[in-house]
C-alpha atoms as a PDB file:
ATOM      1  CA  MET A   1     -31.773  12.387   2.130  1.00  0.00           C
ATOM      2  CA  TYR A   2     -30.301  13.367  -1.221  1.00  0.00           C
ATOM      3  CA  ARG A   3     -27.138  14.587   0.475  1.00  0.00           C
ATOM      4  CA  VAL A   4     -26.603  11.210   2.120  1.00  0.00           C
ATOM      5  CA  ALA A   5     -27.124   9.426  -1.200  1.00  0.00           C
ATOM      6  CA  PHE A   6     -24.755  11.833  -2.960  1.00  0.00           C
ATOM      7  CA  LEU A   7     -22.147  11.395  -0.244  1.00  0.00           C
ATOM      8  CA  GLY A   8     -22.395   7.615  -0.553  1.00  0.00           C
ATOM      9  CA  LEU A   9     -21.979   7.784  -4.338  1.00  0.00           C
ATOM     10  CA  ALA A  10     -19.028  10.170  -3.987  1.00  0.00           C
ATOM     11  CA  ILE A  11     -17.263   7.838  -1.562  1.00  0.00           C
ATOM     12  CA  ALA A  12     -17.929   4.850  -3.811  1.00  0.00           C
ATOM     13  CA  GLY A  13     -16.558   6.803  -6.782  1.00  0.00           C
ATOM     14  CA  LEU A  14     -13.369   7.681  -4.920  1.00  0.00           C
ATOM     15  CA  ALA A  15     -12.928   4.102  -3.781  1.00  0.00           C
ATOM     16  CA  ALA A  16     -12.959   3.045  -7.427  1.00  0.00           C
ATOM     17  CA  CYS A  17      -9.821   5.164  -7.958  1.00  0.00           C
ATOM     18  CA  GLU A  18      -7.840   3.191  -5.375  1.00  0.00           C
ATOM     19  CA  PRO A  19      -5.547   0.635  -7.075  1.00  0.00           C
ATOM     20  CA  ILE A  20      -6.241  -2.997  -6.360  1.00  0.00           C
ATOM     21  CA  PRO A  21      -3.102  -4.793  -5.096  1.00  0.00           C
ATOM     22  CA  GLY A  22      -1.726  -7.061  -7.775  1.00  0.00           C
ATOM     23  CA  GLU A  23      -3.895  -5.619 -10.534  1.00  0.00           C
ATOM     24  CA  GLY A  24      -2.001  -5.100 -13.768  1.00  0.00           C
ATOM     25  CA  THR A  25       1.021  -7.038 -12.586  1.00  0.00           C
ATOM     26  CA  ILE A  26       2.543 -10.104 -14.134  1.00  0.00           C
ATOM     27  CA  ASN A  27       2.901 -13.485 -12.541  1.00  0.00           C
ATOM     28  CA  LEU A  28       6.519 -13.676 -11.511  1.00  0.00           C
ATOM     29  CA  PRO A  29       8.522 -16.719 -12.567  1.00  0.00           C
ATOM     30  CA  GLU A  30       9.508 -19.043  -9.723  1.00  0.00           C
ATOM     31  CA  GLN A  31      13.188 -18.235 -10.346  1.00  0.00           C
ATOM     32  CA  VAL A  32      12.587 -14.508  -9.785  1.00  0.00           C
ATOM     33  CA  ILE A  33      10.653 -15.158  -6.573  1.00  0.00           C
ATOM     34  CA  ALA A  34      13.503 -17.368  -5.344  1.00  0.00           C
ATOM     35  CA  LEU A  35      16.126 -14.710  -6.175  1.00  0.00           C
ATOM     36  CA  ALA A  36      14.302 -11.714  -4.692  1.00  0.00           C
ATOM     37  CA  GLY A  37      15.552 -10.404  -1.379  1.00  0.00           C
ATOM     38  CA  PRO A  38      13.261  -9.720   1.595  1.00  0.00           C
ATOM     39  CA  GLY A  39      11.183  -6.577   2.069  1.00  0.00           C
ATOM     40  CA  GLN A  40      10.163  -6.096  -1.562  1.00  0.00           C
ATOM     41  CA  ASP A  41       6.534  -6.094  -2.722  1.00  0.00           C
ATOM     42  CA  LEU A  42       6.473  -8.875  -5.290  1.00  0.00           C
ATOM     43  CA  THR A  43       2.758  -8.327  -5.972  1.00  0.00           C
ATOM     44  CA  THR A  44       3.608  -5.077  -7.774  1.00  0.00           C
ATOM     45  CA  ALA A  45       6.743  -6.305  -9.601  1.00  0.00           C
ATOM     46  CA  ARG A  46       6.941  -5.960 -13.353  1.00  0.00           C
ATOM     47  CA  VAL A  47       9.519  -5.811 -16.140  1.00  0.00           C
ATOM     48  CA  LEU A  48      10.183  -2.430 -17.696  1.00  0.00           C
ATOM     49  CA  GLU A  49      10.775  -2.628 -21.437  1.00  0.00           C
ATOM     50  CA  SER A  50      13.293   0.216 -21.297  1.00  0.00           C
ATOM     51  CA  ASP A  51      15.884  -1.766 -19.337  1.00  0.00           C
ATOM     52  CA  GLY A  52      14.542  -5.335 -19.145  1.00  0.00           C
ATOM     53  CA  CYS A  53      14.739  -5.359 -15.336  1.00  0.00           C
ATOM     54  CA  TYR A  54      12.120  -6.100 -12.717  1.00  0.00           C
ATOM     55  CA  TRP A  55      10.870  -3.124 -10.678  1.00  0.00           C
ATOM     56  CA  TYR A  56       8.387  -2.985  -7.797  1.00  0.00           C
ATOM     57  CA  GLU A  57       6.303  -0.246  -6.198  1.00  0.00           C
ATOM     58  CA  HIS A  58       7.585   0.985  -2.853  1.00  0.00           C
ATOM     59  CA  THR A  59       4.984   2.978  -0.926  1.00  0.00           C
ATOM     60  CA  ASN A  60       5.716   5.212   2.038  1.00  0.00           C
ATOM     61  CA  VAL A  61       3.887   8.073   3.752  1.00  0.00           C
ATOM     62  CA  VAL A  62       4.900  10.645   1.143  1.00  0.00           C
ATOM     63  CA  GLU A  63       4.937   8.851  -2.207  1.00  0.00           C
ATOM     64  CA  THR A  64       4.875   5.650  -4.210  1.00  0.00           C
ATOM     65  CA  THR A  65       7.917   5.072  -6.397  1.00  0.00           C
ATOM     66  CA  LEU A  66       9.395   2.293  -8.505  1.00  0.00           C
ATOM     67  CA  LEU A  67      12.505   0.608  -7.150  1.00  0.00           C
ATOM     68  CA  PRO A  68      14.593  -2.116  -8.792  1.00  0.00           C
ATOM     69  CA  LEU A  69      13.824  -5.635  -7.632  1.00  0.00           C
ATOM     70  CA  ARG A  70      17.077  -6.920  -6.140  1.00  0.00           C
ATOM     71  CA  THR A  71      18.599 -10.168  -4.958  1.00  0.00           C
ATOM     72  CA  VAL A  72      19.752 -10.768  -1.378  1.00  0.00           C
ATOM     73  CA  ASP A  73      23.199  -9.458  -2.348  1.00  0.00           C
ATOM     74  CA  LEU A  74      21.600  -6.307  -3.894  1.00  0.00           C
ATOM     75  CA  ARG A  75      22.074  -7.181  -7.570  1.00  0.00           C
ATOM     76  CA  PRO A  76      19.196  -6.105  -9.866  1.00  0.00           C
ATOM     77  CA  ILE A  77      17.070  -8.909 -11.319  1.00  0.00           C
ATOM     78  CA  CYS A  78      16.877  -8.506 -15.103  1.00  0.00           C
ATOM     79  CA  THR A  79      15.647 -10.499 -18.080  1.00  0.00           C
ATOM     80  CA  ARG A  80      18.681  -9.635 -20.195  1.00  0.00           C
ATOM     81  CA  PRO A  81      22.339  -8.932 -19.424  1.00  0.00           C
ATOM     82  CA  GLN A  82      23.081  -5.377 -18.352  1.00  0.00           C
ATOM     83  CA  THR A  83      25.861  -3.423 -20.022  1.00  0.00           C
ATOM     84  CA  PRO A  84      27.915  -1.001 -17.947  1.00  0.00           C
ATOM     85  CA  ASP A  85      27.436   2.679 -18.782  1.00  0.00           C
ATOM     86  CA  ALA A  86      30.310   4.023 -20.833  1.00  0.00           C
END
């Protein structure tokens, strides 16, 4: 009986570690939603302070990684103008 209760608590504890979709994300402005190309997870999009651009989480079988949020013509969506690397 105790093993079943422990197992149930362990599973519940592990479930608490699973991220909730959309948690910790910002509400995207309408303009960004309109600019974003297809196939990108807008529920995970956020602006990184380091570059001022929107990034989203892309999840596959192996890993979850941040990718730049891009327009239909593959330009990054940023909150400030980007300067070319010198």
